[in-house]
Amino acid sequence: MERLEHSMTMTPTTPFEVALDVLDRLPSDDQEAIIEIVRRRMIDRRRREIAANAQTTLQAFREGRASYGTVDDLRQELEA
């Protein structure tokens, strides 16, 4: 409620505030749809990040710049 009152008394100054102001004017169904779309986009973005990290790791392993082992193996390597 405080944010709604704030947006009614002041002009939004940041893109974030503008977006919230626009969202406040949408019907509830549209707001819920936007939430779902944003959630899916965030999930998709994270999946792409994970895939890119996996590709980078595989490439590093193929080139001999990465290794694998147990936690104990890592500890021994760090202590050496």
Protein backbone atom coordinates (compact mmCIF):
# COMPACT_ATOMS: atom_id res chain seq x y z
CA MET A 1 0.00 0.00 0.00
CA GLU A 2 2.86 2.36 0.83
CA ARG A 3 4.38 1.92 -2.64
CA LEU A 4 1.00 2.55 -4.26
CA GLU A 5 0.60 5.76 -2.26
CA HIS A 6 4.16 6.72 -3.19
CA SER A 7 3.47 6.23 -6.89
CA MET A 8 0.33 8.33 -6.65
CA THR A 9 2.15 11.28 -5.11
CA MET A 10 5.46 11.23 -6.99
CA THR A 11 6.51 10.74 -10.57
CA PRO A 12 8.49 7.51 -11.08
CA THR A 13 12.15 8.33 -11.63
CA THR A 14 13.78 4.98 -12.39
CA PRO A 15 12.90 2.33 -14.99
CA PHE A 16 12.07 0.00 -12.11
CA GLU A 17 9.64 2.50 -10.61
CA VAL A 18 8.10 3.14 -14.02
CA ALA A 19 7.60 -0.61 -14.52
CA LEU A 20 5.96 -0.96 -11.11
CA ASP A 21 3.72 2.01 -11.85
CA VAL A 22 2.60 0.42 -15.13
CA LEU A 23 2.06 -2.96 -13.45
CA ASP A 24 -0.08 -1.37 -10.76
CA ARG A 25 -2.47 -0.18 -13.47
CA LEU A 26 -2.94 -3.63 -15.01
CA PRO A 27 -5.75 -6.01 -14.06
CA SER A 28 -4.81 -8.75 -11.60
CA ASP A 29 -4.94 -11.45 -14.29
CA ASP A 30 -2.41 -9.55 -16.39
CA GLN A 31 -0.18 -9.01 -13.37
CA GLU A 32 -0.23 -12.75 -12.65
CA ALA A 33 0.55 -13.52 -16.30
CA ILE A 34 3.54 -11.17 -16.19
CA ILE A 35 4.80 -12.83 -13.00
CA GLU A 36 4.63 -16.23 -14.71
CA ILE A 37 6.37 -14.97 -17.85
CA VAL A 38 9.17 -13.37 -15.82
CA ARG A 39 9.55 -16.54 -13.74
CA ARG A 40 9.85 -18.69 -16.88
CA ARG A 41 12.34 -16.30 -18.43
CA MET A 42 14.48 -16.41 -15.29
CA ILE A 43 14.39 -20.22 -15.32
CA ASP A 44 15.34 -20.30 -19.01
CA ARG A 45 18.16 -17.80 -18.44
CA ARG A 46 19.51 -19.91 -15.58
CA ARG A 47 19.33 -23.07 -17.71
CA ARG A 48 21.35 -21.36 -20.43
CA GLU A 49 23.91 -20.22 -17.85
CA ILE A 50 24.22 -23.77 -16.49
CA ALA A 51 24.60 -25.18 -20.01
CA ALA A 52 27.27 -22.61 -20.86
CA ASN A 53 29.14 -23.39 -17.63
CA ALA A 54 28.95 -27.10 -18.42
CA GLN A 55 30.36 -26.52 -21.91
CA THR A 56 33.19 -24.42 -20.49
CA THR A 57 33.98 -27.09 -17.91
CA LEU A 58 33.93 -29.88 -20.51
CA GLN A 59 36.24 -27.90 -22.76
CA ALA A 60 38.62 -27.23 -19.88
CA PHE A 61 38.61 -30.92 -18.99
CA ARG A 62 39.32 -31.91 -22.61
CA GLU A 63 42.22 -29.47 -22.69
CA GLY A 64 43.62 -30.77 -19.41
CA ARG A 65 42.88 -27.57 -17.51
CA ALA A 66 40.40 -29.26 -15.17
CA SER A 67 40.34 -32.41 -13.13
CA TYR A 68 37.90 -34.31 -10.98
CA GLY A 69 38.01 -36.27 -7.77
CA THR A 70 36.69 -36.48 -4.26
CA VAL A 71 36.72 -33.77 -1.63
CA ASP A 72 39.62 -35.58 0.00
CA ASP A 73 41.50 -35.47 -3.32
CA LEU A 74 40.95 -31.72 -3.48
CA ARG A 75 42.14 -31.24 0.09
CA GLN A 76 45.31 -33.21 -0.62
CA GLU A 77 45.97 -31.20 -3.75
CA LEU A 78 45.46 -27.90 -1.92
CA GLU A 79 47.78 -28.97 0.91
CA ALA A 80 50.53 -30.03 -1.48
